[in-house]
Every structure is written in structure tokens, then in C-alpha cells.
Amino acid sequence: VLVVHDGVIPKKGRHSVGAQRQFARDLGRKVNCQVAVVVGHVGPAGYLPLALRLYLPGQWLRDRGPTVERT
């Protein structure tokens, strides 16, 4: 059986691609994390993930243009 579900990858920082404070259904609350869409196979031997695609929140998709660090 193929299963499609969301996968939550908790993060402590904000520098991982797609990481931000968002609702994690598995945890039942908002946490700083990455969310992915996962396709897995469930069979007699158990669960095997086959593919994973990172979900990017809208904030990560907006073009903020070049950034300049000021010292």
C-alpha cells in the first residue's frame, strides 16, 4: 500500500530552508520546523519511505532581492 502524508522535521534555528514556526499536525501545535510531503510503502515488512519533497511556506517563496550586510 502506498501512503502519502506530511512529515515534520523539528528545527532549532531559522537558517534551514523552509524552516519557520508552523503548525505540525503530528505534534498538535506550532513549532519551528520543516514540513515535507512523504510517499511511503507499507507492507508486511513495515514502513519504507520512498520519496520526500520539502514544502516551502509562502514567506520562503517571495523574492526579497539581494541582501546587504551592514557592519
Protein backbone atom coordinates (compact mmCIF):
# COMPACT_ATOMS: atom_id res chain seq x y z
CA VAL A 1 0.00 0.00 0.00
CA LEU A 2 1.29 3.48 -0.86
CA VAL A 3 0.75 6.19 1.74
CA VAL A 4 1.07 9.97 1.23
CA HIS A 5 1.47 12.02 4.40
CA ASP A 6 3.18 15.06 5.86
CA GLY A 7 6.49 14.70 7.65
CA VAL A 8 7.64 17.13 10.32
CA ILE A 9 11.34 17.83 10.87
CA PRO A 10 11.77 19.94 14.05
CA LYS A 11 14.45 22.65 13.81
CA LYS A 12 16.05 24.90 16.43
CA GLY A 13 17.33 27.63 14.09
CA ARG A 14 15.86 29.63 11.20
CA HIS A 15 18.58 29.04 8.63
CA SER A 16 17.41 25.69 7.27
CA VAL A 17 15.48 26.05 4.01
CA GLY A 18 11.75 26.19 4.70
CA ALA A 19 12.13 26.26 8.48
CA GLN A 20 9.68 28.52 10.26
CA ARG A 21 7.14 28.42 13.05
CA GLN A 22 4.20 26.47 11.65
CA PHE A 23 1.54 24.00 12.70
CA ALA A 24 2.78 20.42 12.98
CA ARG A 25 -0.24 18.10 12.91
CA ASP A 26 1.77 15.19 14.34
CA LEU A 27 2.65 17.28 17.40
CA GLY A 28 -0.69 19.12 17.58
CA ARG A 29 0.88 22.57 17.97
CA LYS A 30 3.01 25.23 16.31
CA VAL A 31 6.74 24.54 16.33
CA ASN A 32 9.80 25.73 14.44
CA CYS A 33 10.15 23.02 11.80
CA GLN A 34 10.36 21.98 8.18
CA VAL A 35 7.37 20.19 6.66
CA ALA A 36 7.65 17.68 3.84
CA VAL A 37 5.26 15.62 1.74
CA VAL A 38 6.28 11.96 2.05
CA VAL A 39 5.32 8.96 -0.08
CA GLY A 40 5.92 5.65 1.65
CA HIS A 41 5.20 1.97 1.19
CA VAL A 42 3.52 -0.06 3.93
CA GLY A 43 3.79 -3.83 3.67
CA PRO A 44 4.37 -6.98 5.70
CA ALA A 45 7.93 -5.88 6.49
CA GLY A 46 6.77 -2.47 7.79
CA TYR A 47 7.04 1.11 6.51
CA LEU A 48 9.57 2.29 3.92
CA PRO A 49 9.76 5.95 2.82
CA LEU A 50 10.12 6.17 -0.98
CA ALA A 51 10.16 9.92 -1.74
CA LEU A 52 10.19 13.20 0.14
CA ARG A 53 9.57 16.76 -1.08
CA LEU A 54 10.10 19.77 1.14
CA TYR A 55 7.09 22.09 1.48
CA LEU A 56 8.14 25.73 1.23
CA PRO A 57 5.91 28.25 3.03
CA GLY A 58 4.93 31.40 1.11
CA GLN A 59 7.44 33.51 3.05
CA TRP A 60 10.29 31.45 1.59
CA LEU A 61 8.93 31.80 -1.97
CA ARG A 62 8.85 35.61 -2.03
CA ASP A 63 11.82 37.27 -3.69
CA ARG A 64 13.34 39.66 -1.18
CA GLY A 65 16.05 40.72 -3.57
CA PRO A 66 19.75 40.86 -2.72
CA THR A 67 20.64 41.38 0.92
CA VAL A 68 23.47 43.60 2.08
CA GLU A 69 25.06 43.04 5.47
CA ARG A 70 25.93 46.18 7.36
CA THR A 71 28.70 46.17 9.91
